[in-house]
Amino acid sequence: MPKFFDDEVVASWFGYHPPSSPQIAQAHEHVRYLFGELGVKLNNLLPEGPDKTTTLRALREAMYQANASIAVAQAVYTEE
């Protein structure tokens, strides 16, 4: 059965991908800024408790995933 993802693509997901240009670095910073703004707003809006903690942790994970999408796409699509 054919693989859905090439091994190189999967390996790339786990590699370190430093920004290859100032534009990529700026995109990472912009993502962190946007998620930081939302995090602060949610921190002030939501009542204290485990659901708030889960929300902020999920938001942090979403930020990591957003930055990973930039880093991995840069590595995969700029090598062609």
Protein backbone atom coordinates (compact mmCIF):
# COMPACT_ATOMS: atom_id res chain seq x y z
CA MET A 1 0.00 0.00 0.00
CA PRO A 2 1.42 3.43 -0.87
CA LYS A 3 2.27 5.78 1.97
CA PHE A 4 0.19 8.90 2.37
CA PHE A 5 3.31 10.89 3.34
CA ASP A 6 6.85 10.48 2.04
CA ASP A 7 9.41 9.55 4.69
CA GLU A 8 11.26 12.81 4.00
CA VAL A 9 8.14 14.83 4.78
CA VAL A 10 7.55 12.97 8.05
CA ALA A 11 11.20 13.36 9.07
CA SER A 12 10.94 17.06 8.26
CA TRP A 13 8.11 17.44 10.77
CA PHE A 14 10.53 16.50 13.55
CA GLY A 15 13.50 18.54 12.40
CA TYR A 16 14.59 22.01 13.38
CA HIS A 17 13.83 24.59 10.73
CA PRO A 18 15.46 27.93 11.48
CA PRO A 19 13.92 30.86 9.66
CA SER A 20 15.37 30.97 6.16
CA SER A 21 14.57 34.63 5.66
CA PRO A 22 13.57 37.72 7.60
CA GLN A 23 10.02 37.25 6.27
CA ILE A 24 9.79 33.78 7.83
CA ALA A 25 11.14 35.08 11.15
CA GLN A 26 8.59 37.91 11.01
CA ALA A 27 5.78 35.40 10.34
CA HIS A 28 6.79 33.44 13.47
CA GLU A 29 6.84 36.63 15.53
CA HIS A 30 3.46 37.68 14.18
CA VAL A 31 1.92 34.33 15.11
CA ARG A 32 3.35 34.61 18.64
CA TYR A 33 2.01 38.17 18.91
CA LEU A 34 -1.51 37.22 17.79
CA PHE A 35 -1.73 34.24 20.11
CA GLY A 36 -0.25 36.30 22.96
CA GLU A 37 -2.89 38.97 22.51
CA LEU A 38 -5.66 36.37 22.55
CA GLY A 39 -4.09 34.63 25.55
CA VAL A 40 -4.06 37.83 27.59
CA LYS A 41 -7.66 38.62 26.64
CA LEU A 42 -8.83 35.12 27.55
CA ASN A 43 -6.85 35.22 30.79
CA ASN A 44 -8.75 38.36 31.78
CA LEU A 45 -12.13 37.11 30.53
CA LEU A 46 -12.36 33.53 31.72
CA PRO A 47 -13.10 32.52 35.29
CA GLU A 48 -10.29 30.83 37.20
CA GLY A 49 -10.37 27.06 37.14
CA PRO A 50 -9.27 23.97 35.30
CA ASP A 51 -11.16 24.86 32.12
CA LYS A 52 -9.29 28.17 31.89
CA THR A 53 -6.00 26.33 32.35
CA THR A 54 -6.95 23.86 29.63
CA THR A 55 -7.97 26.69 27.32
CA LEU A 56 -4.67 28.51 27.73
CA ARG A 57 -2.68 25.30 27.28
CA ALA A 58 -4.63 24.49 24.12
CA LEU A 59 -4.02 28.01 22.83
CA ARG A 60 -0.30 27.58 23.49
CA GLU A 61 -0.32 24.28 21.62
CA ALA A 62 -2.18 25.91 18.73
CA MET A 63 0.53 28.60 18.60
CA TYR A 64 3.21 25.90 18.42
CA GLN A 65 1.34 24.15 15.63
CA ALA A 66 0.88 27.39 13.70
CA ASN A 67 4.60 28.13 13.90
CA ALA A 68 5.41 24.53 13.00
CA SER A 69 3.28 24.87 9.89
CA ILE A 70 5.36 27.88 8.84
CA ALA A 71 8.66 26.16 9.62
CA VAL A 72 7.83 22.84 7.98
CA ALA A 73 6.29 24.46 4.89
CA GLN A 74 9.41 26.60 4.50
CA ALA A 75 11.61 23.50 4.65
CA VAL A 76 9.48 21.32 2.40
CA TYR A 77 8.38 23.81 -0.22
CA THR A 78 11.50 25.94 -0.59
CA GLU A 79 13.77 22.97 -1.38
CA GLU A 80 12.00 22.19 -4.62
